[in-house]
Amino acid sequence: NTVYLQMNSLKPEDTAVYYCNTNRV
């Protein structure tokens, strides 16, 4: 029950707070 976000070739403009959301649990 886990989702992943693999981020490669990161750029300064990728700087942010990252959130996940699901429609249903």
mmCIF file of all heavy atoms, coordinates in Angstrom:
data_MODEL
# 
_entry.id   MODEL 
# 
loop_
_atom_site.group_PDB 
_atom_site.id 
_atom_site.type_symbol 
_atom_site.label_atom_id 
_atom_site.label_alt_id 
_atom_site.label_comp_id 
_atom_site.label_asym_id 
_atom_site.label_entity_id 
_atom_site.label_seq_id 
_atom_site.pdbx_PDB_ins_code 
_atom_site.Cartn_x 
_atom_site.Cartn_y 
_atom_site.Cartn_z 
_atom_site.occupancy 
_atom_site.B_iso_or_equiv 
_atom_site.pdbx_formal_charge 
_atom_site.auth_seq_id 
_atom_site.auth_comp_id 
_atom_site.auth_asym_id 
_atom_site.auth_atom_id 
_atom_site.pdbx_PDB_model_num 
ATOM 1   N N   . ASN A 1 1  ? 0.828   -1.209 0.000   1.00 0.00 ? 1  ASN A N   1 
ATOM 2   C CA  . ASN A 1 1  ? 0.000   0.000  0.000   1.00 0.00 ? 1  ASN A CA  1 
ATOM 3   C C   . ASN A 1 1  ? 0.862   1.259  0.000   1.00 0.00 ? 1  ASN A C   1 
ATOM 4   O O   . ASN A 1 1  ? 0.616   2.207  0.755   1.00 0.00 ? 1  ASN A O   1 
ATOM 5   C CB  . ASN A 1 1  ? -0.964  -0.001 1.190   1.00 0.00 ? 1  ASN A CB  1 
ATOM 6   C CG  . ASN A 1 1  ? -2.061  -1.037 1.050   1.00 0.00 ? 1  ASN A CG  1 
ATOM 7   O OD1 . ASN A 1 1  ? -2.639  -1.194 -0.027  1.00 0.00 ? 1  ASN A OD1 1 
ATOM 8   N ND2 . ASN A 1 1  ? -2.360  -1.743 2.127   1.00 0.00 ? 1  ASN A ND2 1 
ATOM 9   N N   . THR A 1 2  ? 1.857   1.255  -0.859  1.00 0.00 ? 2  THR A N   1 
ATOM 10  C CA  . THR A 1 2  ? 2.813   2.347  -0.947  1.00 0.00 ? 2  THR A CA  1 
ATOM 11  C C   . THR A 1 2  ? 2.968   2.791  -2.395  1.00 0.00 ? 2  THR A C   1 
ATOM 12  O O   . THR A 1 2  ? 3.025   1.955  -3.296  1.00 0.00 ? 2  THR A O   1 
ATOM 13  C CB  . THR A 1 2  ? 4.180   1.933  -0.382  1.00 0.00 ? 2  THR A CB  1 
ATOM 14  O OG1 . THR A 1 2  ? 4.034   1.537  0.983   1.00 0.00 ? 2  THR A OG1 1 
ATOM 15  C CG2 . THR A 1 2  ? 5.170   3.081  -0.460  1.00 0.00 ? 2  THR A CG2 1 
ATOM 16  N N   . VAL A 1 3  ? 3.052   4.098  -2.593  1.00 0.00 ? 3  VAL A N   1 
ATOM 17  C CA  . VAL A 1 3  ? 3.284   4.698  -3.900  1.00 0.00 ? 3  VAL A CA  1 
ATOM 18  C C   . VAL A 1 3  ? 4.600   5.460  -3.847  1.00 0.00 ? 3  VAL A C   1 
ATOM 19  O O   . VAL A 1 3  ? 4.915   6.100  -2.842  1.00 0.00 ? 3  VAL A O   1 
ATOM 20  C CB  . VAL A 1 3  ? 2.126   5.620  -4.303  1.00 0.00 ? 3  VAL A CB  1 
ATOM 21  C CG1 . VAL A 1 3  ? 2.442   6.358  -5.601  1.00 0.00 ? 3  VAL A CG1 1 
ATOM 22  C CG2 . VAL A 1 3  ? 0.850   4.809  -4.468  1.00 0.00 ? 3  VAL A CG2 1 
ATOM 23  N N   . TYR A 1 4  ? 5.357   5.414  -4.936  1.00 0.00 ? 4  TYR A N   1 
ATOM 24  C CA  . TYR A 1 4  ? 6.669   6.030  -4.989  1.00 0.00 ? 4  TYR A CA  1 
ATOM 25  C C   . TYR A 1 4  ? 6.728   7.092  -6.081  1.00 0.00 ? 4  TYR A C   1 
ATOM 26  O O   . TYR A 1 4  ? 6.052   6.996  -7.108  1.00 0.00 ? 4  TYR A O   1 
ATOM 27  C CB  . TYR A 1 4  ? 7.747   4.988  -5.265  1.00 0.00 ? 4  TYR A CB  1 
ATOM 28  C CG  . TYR A 1 4  ? 7.750   3.846  -4.281  1.00 0.00 ? 4  TYR A CG  1 
ATOM 29  C CD1 . TYR A 1 4  ? 7.108   2.647  -4.572  1.00 0.00 ? 4  TYR A CD1 1 
ATOM 30  C CD2 . TYR A 1 4  ? 8.384   3.973  -3.050  1.00 0.00 ? 4  TYR A CD2 1 
ATOM 31  C CE1 . TYR A 1 4  ? 7.105   1.603  -3.671  1.00 0.00 ? 4  TYR A CE1 1 
ATOM 32  C CE2 . TYR A 1 4  ? 8.385   2.932  -2.143  1.00 0.00 ? 4  TYR A CE2 1 
ATOM 33  C CZ  . TYR A 1 4  ? 7.747   1.743  -2.451  1.00 0.00 ? 4  TYR A CZ  1 
ATOM 34  O OH  . TYR A 1 4  ? 7.751   0.712  -1.546  1.00 0.00 ? 4  TYR A OH  1 
ATOM 35  N N   . LEU A 1 5  ? 7.549   8.092  -5.847  1.00 0.00 ? 5  LEU A N   1 
ATOM 36  C CA  . LEU A 1 5  ? 7.858   9.097  -6.853  1.00 0.00 ? 5  LEU A CA  1 
ATOM 37  C C   . LEU A 1 5  ? 9.372   9.150  -6.999  1.00 0.00 ? 5  LEU A C   1 
ATOM 38  O O   . LEU A 1 5  ? 10.063  9.680  -6.126  1.00 0.00 ? 5  LEU A O   1 
ATOM 39  C CB  . LEU A 1 5  ? 7.304   10.473 -6.456  1.00 0.00 ? 5  LEU A CB  1 
ATOM 40  C CG  . LEU A 1 5  ? 7.642   11.630 -7.405  1.00 0.00 ? 5  LEU A CG  1 
ATOM 41  C CD1 . LEU A 1 5  ? 7.041   11.394 -8.784  1.00 0.00 ? 5  LEU A CD1 1 
ATOM 42  C CD2 . LEU A 1 5  ? 7.159   12.958 -6.819  1.00 0.00 ? 5  LEU A CD2 1 
ATOM 43  N N   . GLN A 1 6  ? 9.884   8.571  -8.078  1.00 0.00 ? 6  GLN A N   1 
ATOM 44  C CA  . GLN A 1 6  ? 11.302  8.606  -8.371  1.00 0.00 ? 6  GLN A CA  1 
ATOM 45  C C   . GLN A 1 6  ? 11.603  9.863  -9.167  1.00 0.00 ? 6  GLN A C   1 
ATOM 46  O O   . GLN A 1 6  ? 11.034  10.070 -10.241 1.00 0.00 ? 6  GLN A O   1 
ATOM 47  C CB  . GLN A 1 6  ? 11.721  7.365  -9.163  1.00 0.00 ? 6  GLN A CB  1 
ATOM 48  C CG  . GLN A 1 6  ? 13.189  7.335  -9.567  1.00 0.00 ? 6  GLN A CG  1 
ATOM 49  C CD  . GLN A 1 6  ? 14.109  7.189  -8.383  1.00 0.00 ? 6  GLN A CD  1 
ATOM 50  O OE1 . GLN A 1 6  ? 13.884  6.341  -7.516  1.00 0.00 ? 6  GLN A OE1 1 
ATOM 51  N NE2 . GLN A 1 6  ? 15.152  8.013  -8.326  1.00 0.00 ? 6  GLN A NE2 1 
ATOM 52  N N   . MET A 1 7  ? 12.491  10.694 -8.663  1.00 0.00 ? 7  MET A N   1 
ATOM 53  C CA  . MET A 1 7  ? 12.816  11.972 -9.279  1.00 0.00 ? 7  MET A CA  1 
ATOM 54  C C   . MET A 1 7  ? 14.286  11.953 -9.688  1.00 0.00 ? 7  MET A C   1 
ATOM 55  O O   . MET A 1 7  ? 15.174  11.851 -8.834  1.00 0.00 ? 7  MET A O   1 
ATOM 56  C CB  . MET A 1 7  ? 12.537  13.123 -8.322  1.00 0.00 ? 7  MET A CB  1 
ATOM 57  C CG  . MET A 1 7  ? 11.105  13.148 -7.802  1.00 0.00 ? 7  MET A CG  1 
ATOM 58  S SD  . MET A 1 7  ? 10.756  14.600 -6.784  1.00 0.00 ? 7  MET A SD  1 
ATOM 59  C CE  . MET A 1 7  ? 11.850  14.272 -5.396  1.00 0.00 ? 7  MET A CE  1 
ATOM 60  N N   . ASN A 1 8  ? 14.534  12.059 -10.980 1.00 0.00 ? 8  ASN A N   1 
ATOM 61  C CA  . ASN A 1 8  ? 15.886  12.088 -11.524 1.00 0.00 ? 8  ASN A CA  1 
ATOM 62  C C   . ASN A 1 8  ? 16.148  13.421 -12.208 1.00 0.00 ? 8  ASN A C   1 
ATOM 63  O O   . ASN A 1 8  ? 15.225  14.158 -12.543 1.00 0.00 ? 8  ASN A O   1 
ATOM 64  C CB  . ASN A 1 8  ? 16.087  10.949 -12.522 1.00 0.00 ? 8  ASN A CB  1 
ATOM 65  C CG  . ASN A 1 8  ? 15.909  9.579  -11.913 1.00 0.00 ? 8  ASN A CG  1 
ATOM 66  O OD1 . ASN A 1 8  ? 16.275  9.344  -10.763 1.00 0.00 ? 8  ASN A OD1 1 
ATOM 67  N ND2 . ASN A 1 8  ? 15.357  8.647  -12.694 1.00 0.00 ? 8  ASN A ND2 1 
ATOM 68  N N   . SER A 1 9  ? 17.419  13.708 -12.446 1.00 0.00 ? 9  SER A N   1 
ATOM 69  C CA  . SER A 1 9  ? 17.827  14.939 -13.129 1.00 0.00 ? 9  SER A CA  1 
ATOM 70  C C   . SER A 1 9  ? 17.161  16.157 -12.518 1.00 0.00 ? 9  SER A C   1 
ATOM 71  O O   . SER A 1 9  ? 16.612  17.017 -13.213 1.00 0.00 ? 9  SER A O   1 
ATOM 72  C CB  . SER A 1 9  ? 17.508  14.840 -14.625 1.00 0.00 ? 9  SER A CB  1 
ATOM 73  O OG  . SER A 1 9  ? 18.160  13.736 -15.212 1.00 0.00 ? 9  SER A OG  1 
ATOM 74  N N   . LEU A 1 10 ? 17.221  16.253 -11.209 1.00 0.00 ? 10 LEU A N   1 
ATOM 75  C CA  . LEU A 1 10 ? 16.517  17.314 -10.496 1.00 0.00 ? 10 LEU A CA  1 
ATOM 76  C C   . LEU A 1 10 ? 17.093  18.685 -10.821 1.00 0.00 ? 10 LEU A C   1 
ATOM 77  O O   . LEU A 1 10 ? 18.299  18.845 -11.011 1.00 0.00 ? 10 LEU A O   1 
ATOM 78  C CB  . LEU A 1 10 ? 16.563  17.060 -8.997  1.00 0.00 ? 10 LEU A CB  1 
ATOM 79  C CG  . LEU A 1 10 ? 15.591  15.977 -8.516  1.00 0.00 ? 10 LEU A CG  1 
ATOM 80  C CD1 . LEU A 1 10 ? 15.977  15.468 -7.137  1.00 0.00 ? 10 LEU A CD1 1 
ATOM 81  C CD2 . LEU A 1 10 ? 14.166  16.519 -8.505  1.00 0.00 ? 10 LEU A CD2 1 
ATOM 82  N N   . LYS A 1 11 ? 16.199  19.662 -10.873 1.00 0.00 ? 11 LYS A N   1 
ATOM 83  C CA  . LYS A 1 11 ? 16.529  21.044 -11.173 1.00 0.00 ? 11 LYS A CA  1 
ATOM 84  C C   . LYS A 1 11 ? 16.124  21.933 -10.009 1.00 0.00 ? 11 LYS A C   1 
ATOM 85  O O   . LYS A 1 11 ? 15.237  21.580 -9.235  1.00 0.00 ? 11 LYS A O   1 
ATOM 86  C CB  . LYS A 1 11 ? 15.790  21.502 -12.440 1.00 0.00 ? 11 LYS A CB  1 
ATOM 87  C CG  . LYS A 1 11 ? 16.016  20.627 -13.657 1.00 0.00 ? 11 LYS A CG  1 
ATOM 88  C CD  . LYS A 1 11 ? 15.133  21.075 -14.810 1.00 0.00 ? 11 LYS A CD  1 
ATOM 89  C CE  . LYS A 1 11 ? 15.331  20.197 -16.028 1.00 0.00 ? 11 LYS A CE  1 
ATOM 90  N NZ  . LYS A 1 11 ? 14.467  20.632 -17.153 1.00 0.00 ? 11 LYS A NZ  1 
ATOM 91  N N   . PRO A 1 12 ? 16.737  23.107 -9.871  1.00 0.00 ? 12 PRO A N   1 
ATOM 92  C CA  . PRO A 1 12 ? 16.333  24.013 -8.795  1.00 0.00 ? 12 PRO A CA  1 
ATOM 93  C C   . PRO A 1 12 ? 14.838  24.335 -8.805  1.00 0.00 ? 12 PRO A C   1 
ATOM 94  O O   . PRO A 1 12 ? 14.247  24.503 -7.732  1.00 0.00 ? 12 PRO A O   1 
ATOM 95  C CB  . PRO A 1 12 ? 17.174  25.265 -9.057  1.00 0.00 ? 12 PRO A CB  1 
ATOM 96  C CG  . PRO A 1 12 ? 18.407  24.735 -9.707  1.00 0.00 ? 12 PRO A CG  1 
ATOM 97  C CD  . PRO A 1 12 ? 17.930  23.599 -10.576 1.00 0.00 ? 12 PRO A CD  1 
ATOM 98  N N   . GLU A 1 13 ? 14.231  24.406 -9.981  1.00 0.00 ? 13 GLU A N   1 
ATOM 99  C CA  . GLU A 1 13 ? 12.811  24.704 -10.056 1.00 0.00 ? 13 GLU A CA  1 
ATOM 100 C C   . GLU A 1 13 ? 11.926  23.567 -9.564  1.00 0.00 ? 13 GLU A C   1 
ATOM 101 O O   . GLU A 1 13 ? 10.708  23.732 -9.454  1.00 0.00 ? 13 GLU A O   1 
ATOM 102 C CB  . GLU A 1 13 ? 12.403  25.104 -11.485 1.00 0.00 ? 13 GLU A CB  1 
ATOM 103 C CG  . GLU A 1 13 ? 12.872  24.136 -12.554 1.00 0.00 ? 13 GLU A CG  1 
ATOM 104 C CD  . GLU A 1 13 ? 14.162  24.580 -13.225 1.00 0.00 ? 13 GLU A CD  1 
ATOM 105 O OE1 . GLU A 1 13 ? 15.100  24.991 -12.517 1.00 0.00 ? 13 GLU A OE1 1 
ATOM 106 O OE2 . GLU A 1 13 ? 14.238  24.518 -14.468 1.00 0.00 ? 13 GLU A OE2 1 
ATOM 107 N N   . ASP A 1 14 ? 12.502  22.402 -9.264  1.00 0.00 ? 14 ASP A N   1 
ATOM 108 C CA  . ASP A 1 14 ? 11.758  21.312 -8.645  1.00 0.00 ? 14 ASP A CA  1 
ATOM 109 C C   . ASP A 1 14 ? 11.617  21.496 -7.136  1.00 0.00 ? 14 ASP A C   1 
ATOM 110 O O   . ASP A 1 14 ? 10.903  20.718 -6.490  1.00 0.00 ? 14 ASP A O   1 
ATOM 111 C CB  . ASP A 1 14 ? 12.430  19.965 -8.923  1.00 0.00 ? 14 ASP A CB  1 
ATOM 112 C CG  . ASP A 1 14 ? 12.426  19.588 -10.393 1.00 0.00 ? 14 ASP A CG  1 
ATOM 113 O OD1 . ASP A 1 14 ? 11.392  19.792 -11.064 1.00 0.00 ? 14 ASP A OD1 1 
ATOM 114 O OD2 . ASP A 1 14 ? 13.460  19.079 -10.876 1.00 0.00 ? 14 ASP A OD2 1 
ATOM 115 N N   . THR A 1 15 ? 12.293  22.474 -6.573  1.00 0.00 ? 15 THR A N   1 
ATOM 116 C CA  . THR A 1 15 ? 12.217  22.733 -5.141  1.00 0.00 ? 15 THR A CA  1 
ATOM 117 C C   . THR A 1 15 ? 10.786  23.064 -4.740  1.00 0.00 ? 15 THR A C   1 
ATOM 118 O O   . THR A 1 15 ? 10.172  23.974 -5.298  1.00 0.00 ? 15 THR A O   1 
ATOM 119 C CB  . THR A 1 15 ? 13.150  23.877 -4.748  1.00 0.00 ? 15 THR A CB  1 
ATOM 120 O OG1 . THR A 1 15 ? 14.505  23.493 -4.995  1.00 0.00 ? 15 THR A OG1 1 
ATOM 121 C CG2 . THR A 1 15 ? 12.999  24.225 -3.274  1.00 0.00 ? 15 THR A CG2 1 
ATOM 122 N N   . ALA A 1 16 ? 10.242  22.322 -3.781  1.00 0.00 ? 16 ALA A N   1 
ATOM 123 C CA  . ALA A 1 16 ? 8.866   22.501 -3.348  1.00 0.00 ? 16 ALA A CA  1 
ATOM 124 C C   . ALA A 1 16 ? 8.573   21.527 -2.214  1.00 0.00 ? 16 ALA A C   1 
ATOM 125 O O   . ALA A 1 16 ? 9.376   20.646 -1.906  1.00 0.00 ? 16 ALA A O   1 
ATOM 126 C CB  . ALA A 1 16 ? 7.886   22.244 -4.508  1.00 0.00 ? 16 ALA A CB  1 
ATOM 127 N N   . VAL A 1 17 ? 7.410   21.698 -1.600  1.00 0.00 ? 17 VAL A N   1 
ATOM 128 C CA  . VAL A 1 17 ? 6.863   20.682 -0.722  1.00 0.00 ? 17 VAL A CA  1 
ATOM 129 C C   . VAL A 1 17 ? 6.027   19.744 -1.579  1.00 0.00 ? 17 VAL A C   1 
ATOM 130 O O   . VAL A 1 17 ? 5.154   20.193 -2.325  1.00 0.00 ? 17 VAL A O   1 
ATOM 131 C CB  . VAL A 1 17 ? 6.014   21.279 0.410   1.00 0.00 ? 17 VAL A CB  1 
ATOM 132 C CG1 . VAL A 1 17 ? 5.404   20.173 1.266   1.00 0.00 ? 17 VAL A CG1 1 
ATOM 133 C CG2 . VAL A 1 17 ? 6.862   22.205 1.273   1.00 0.00 ? 17 VAL A CG2 1 
ATOM 134 N N   . TYR A 1 18 ? 6.290   18.459 -1.478  1.00 0.00 ? 18 TYR A N   1 
ATOM 135 C CA  . TYR A 1 18 ? 5.598   17.464 -2.280  1.00 0.00 ? 18 TYR A CA  1 
ATOM 136 C C   . TYR A 1 18 ? 4.551   16.745 -1.432  1.00 0.00 ? 18 TYR A C   1 
ATOM 137 O O   . TYR A 1 18 ? 4.842   16.289 -0.318  1.00 0.00 ? 18 TYR A O   1 
ATOM 138 C CB  . TYR A 1 18 ? 6.595   16.452 -2.854  1.00 0.00 ? 18 TYR A CB  1 
ATOM 139 C CG  . TYR A 1 18 ? 7.379   17.002 -4.018  1.00 0.00 ? 18 TYR A CG  1 
ATOM 140 C CD1 . TYR A 1 18 ? 8.350   17.970 -3.817  1.00 0.00 ? 18 TYR A CD1 1 
ATOM 141 C CD2 . TYR A 1 18 ? 7.122   16.577 -5.321  1.00 0.00 ? 18 TYR A CD2 1 
ATOM 142 C CE1 . TYR A 1 18 ? 9.054   18.498 -4.883  1.00 0.00 ? 18 TYR A CE1 1 
ATOM 143 C CE2 . TYR A 1 18 ? 7.832   17.092 -6.392  1.00 0.00 ? 18 TYR A CE2 1 
ATOM 144 C CZ  . TYR A 1 18 ? 8.789   18.060 -6.166  1.00 0.00 ? 18 TYR A CZ  1 
ATOM 145 O OH  . TYR A 1 18 ? 9.487   18.578 -7.236  1.00 0.00 ? 18 TYR A OH  1 
ATOM 146 N N   . TYR A 1 19 ? 3.338   16.648 -1.966  1.00 0.00 ? 19 TYR A N   1 
ATOM 147 C CA  . TYR A 1 19 ? 2.210   16.039 -1.286  1.00 0.00 ? 19 TYR A CA  1 
ATOM 148 C C   . TYR A 1 19 ? 1.659   14.888 -2.120  1.00 0.00 ? 19 TYR A C   1 
ATOM 149 O O   . TYR A 1 19 ? 1.668   14.935 -3.346  1.00 0.00 ? 19 TYR A O   1 
ATOM 150 C CB  . TYR A 1 19 ? 1.071   17.038 -1.090  1.00 0.00 ? 19 TYR A CB  1 
ATOM 151 C CG  . TYR A 1 19 ? 1.406   18.263 -0.280  1.00 0.00 ? 19 TYR A CG  1 
ATOM 152 C CD1 . TYR A 1 19 ? 1.906   19.407 -0.893  1.00 0.00 ? 19 TYR A CD1 1 
ATOM 153 C CD2 . TYR A 1 19 ? 1.204   18.290 1.093   1.00 0.00 ? 19 TYR A CD2 1 
ATOM 154 C CE1 . TYR A 1 19 ? 2.201   20.540 -0.161  1.00 0.00 ? 19 TYR A CE1 1 
ATOM 155 C CE2 . TYR A 1 19 ? 1.496   19.413 1.838   1.00 0.00 ? 19 TYR A CE2 1 
ATOM 156 C CZ  . TYR A 1 19 ? 1.994   20.541 1.200   1.00 0.00 ? 19 TYR A CZ  1 
ATOM 157 O OH  . TYR A 1 19 ? 2.277   21.655 1.930   1.00 0.00 ? 19 TYR A OH  1 
ATOM 158 N N   . CYS A 1 20 ? 1.130   13.876 -1.441  1.00 0.00 ? 20 CYS A N   1 
ATOM 159 C CA  . CYS A 1 20 ? 0.368   12.849 -2.138  1.00 0.00 ? 20 CYS A CA  1 
ATOM 160 C C   . CYS A 1 20 ? -1.080  12.881 -1.669  1.00 0.00 ? 20 CYS A C   1 
ATOM 161 O O   . CYS A 1 20 ? -1.389  13.284 -0.546  1.00 0.00 ? 20 CYS A O   1 
ATOM 162 C CB  . CYS A 1 20 ? 0.966   11.450 -1.951  1.00 0.00 ? 20 CYS A CB  1 
ATOM 163 S SG  . CYS A 1 20 ? 1.055   10.828 -0.262  1.00 0.00 ? 20 CYS A SG  1 
ATOM 164 N N   . ASN A 1 21 ? -1.960  12.486 -2.561  1.00 0.00 ? 21 ASN A N   1 
ATOM 165 C CA  . ASN A 1 21 ? -3.397  12.470 -2.312  1.00 0.00 ? 21 ASN A CA  1 
ATOM 166 C C   . ASN A 1 21 ? -3.987  11.232 -2.950  1.00 0.00 ? 21 ASN A C   1 
ATOM 167 O O   . ASN A 1 21 ? -3.594  10.840 -4.040  1.00 0.00 ? 21 ASN A O   1 
ATOM 168 C CB  . ASN A 1 21 ? -4.048  13.729 -2.906  1.00 0.00 ? 21 ASN A CB  1 
ATOM 169 C CG  . ASN A 1 21 ? -5.557  13.627 -2.965  1.00 0.00 ? 21 ASN A CG  1 
ATOM 170 O OD1 . ASN A 1 21 ? -6.125  13.189 -3.969  1.00 0.00 ? 21 ASN A OD1 1 
ATOM 171 N ND2 . ASN A 1 21 ? -6.215  14.031 -1.891  1.00 0.00 ? 21 ASN A ND2 1 
ATOM 172 N N   . THR A 1 22 ? -4.927  10.615 -2.260  1.00 0.00 ? 22 THR A N   1 
ATOM 173 C CA  . THR A 1 22 ? -5.642  9.489  -2.845  1.00 0.00 ? 22 THR A CA  1 
ATOM 174 C C   . THR A 1 22 ? -7.136  9.742  -2.806  1.00 0.00 ? 22 THR A C   1 
ATOM 175 O O   . THR A 1 22 ? -7.641  10.394 -1.884  1.00 0.00 ? 22 THR A O   1 
ATOM 176 C CB  . THR A 1 22 ? -5.315  8.166  -2.141  1.00 0.00 ? 22 THR A CB  1 
ATOM 177 O OG1 . THR A 1 22 ? -5.954  7.080  -2.817  1.00 0.00 ? 22 THR A OG1 1 
ATOM 178 C CG2 . THR A 1 22 ? -5.783  8.176  -0.685  1.00 0.00 ? 22 THR A CG2 1 
ATOM 179 N N   . ASN A 1 23 ? -7.824  9.229  -3.808  1.00 0.00 ? 23 ASN A N   1 
ATOM 180 C CA  . ASN A 1 23 ? -9.268  9.414  -3.849  1.00 0.00 ? 23 ASN A CA  1 
ATOM 181 C C   . ASN A 1 23 ? -9.999  8.532  -2.843  1.00 0.00 ? 23 ASN A C   1 
ATOM 182 O O   . ASN A 1 23 ? -11.097 8.880  -2.406  1.00 0.00 ? 23 ASN A O   1 
ATOM 183 C CB  . ASN A 1 23 ? -9.793  9.147  -5.266  1.00 0.00 ? 23 ASN A CB  1 
ATOM 184 C CG  . ASN A 1 23 ? -9.646  7.690  -5.677  1.00 0.00 ? 23 ASN A CG  1 
ATOM 185 O OD1 . ASN A 1 23 ? -8.633  7.051  -5.402  1.00 0.00 ? 23 ASN A OD1 1 
ATOM 186 N ND2 . ASN A 1 23 ? -10.655 7.172  -6.365  1.00 0.00 ? 23 ASN A ND2 1 
ATOM 187 N N   . ARG A 1 24 ? -9.368  7.414  -2.457  1.00 0.00 ? 24 ARG A N   1 
ATOM 188 C CA  . ARG A 1 24 ? -10.067 6.488  -1.563  1.00 0.00 ? 24 ARG A CA  1 
ATOM 189 C C   . ARG A 1 24 ? -9.078  5.605  -0.832  1.00 0.00 ? 24 ARG A C   1 
ATOM 190 O O   . ARG A 1 24 ? -8.128  5.097  -1.421  1.00 0.00 ? 24 ARG A O   1 
ATOM 191 C CB  . ARG A 1 24 ? -11.052 5.613  -2.349  1.00 0.00 ? 24 ARG A CB  1 
ATOM 192 C CG  . ARG A 1 24 ? -11.852 4.639  -1.497  1.00 0.00 ? 24 ARG A CG  1 
ATOM 193 C CD  . ARG A 1 24 ? -12.751 3.766  -2.368  1.00 0.00 ? 24 ARG A CD  1 
ATOM 194 N NE  . ARG A 1 24 ? -13.564 2.845  -1.588  1.00 0.00 ? 24 ARG A NE  1 
ATOM 195 C CZ  . ARG A 1 24 ? -14.366 1.927  -2.100  1.00 0.00 ? 24 ARG A CZ  1 
ATOM 196 N NH1 . ARG A 1 24 ? -14.483 1.819  -3.425  1.00 0.00 ? 24 ARG A NH1 1 
ATOM 197 N NH2 . ARG A 1 24 ? -15.061 1.129  -1.316  1.00 0.00 ? 24 ARG A NH2 1 
ATOM 198 N N   . VAL A 1 25 ? -9.309  5.421  0.473   1.00 0.00 ? 25 VAL A N   1 
ATOM 199 C CA  . VAL A 1 25 ? -8.610  4.443  1.286   1.00 0.00 ? 25 VAL A CA  1 
ATOM 200 C C   . VAL A 1 25 ? -9.648  3.472  1.834   1.00 0.00 ? 25 VAL A C   1 
ATOM 201 O O   . VAL A 1 25 ? -10.626 3.886  2.455   1.00 0.00 ? 25 VAL A O   1 
ATOM 202 C CB  . VAL A 1 25 ? -7.845  5.091  2.454   1.00 0.00 ? 25 VAL A CB  1 
ATOM 203 C CG1 . VAL A 1 25 ? -7.223  4.013  3.335   1.00 0.00 ? 25 VAL A CG1 1 
ATOM 204 C CG2 . VAL A 1 25 ? -6.772  6.033  1.932   1.00 0.00 ? 25 VAL A CG2 1 
# 
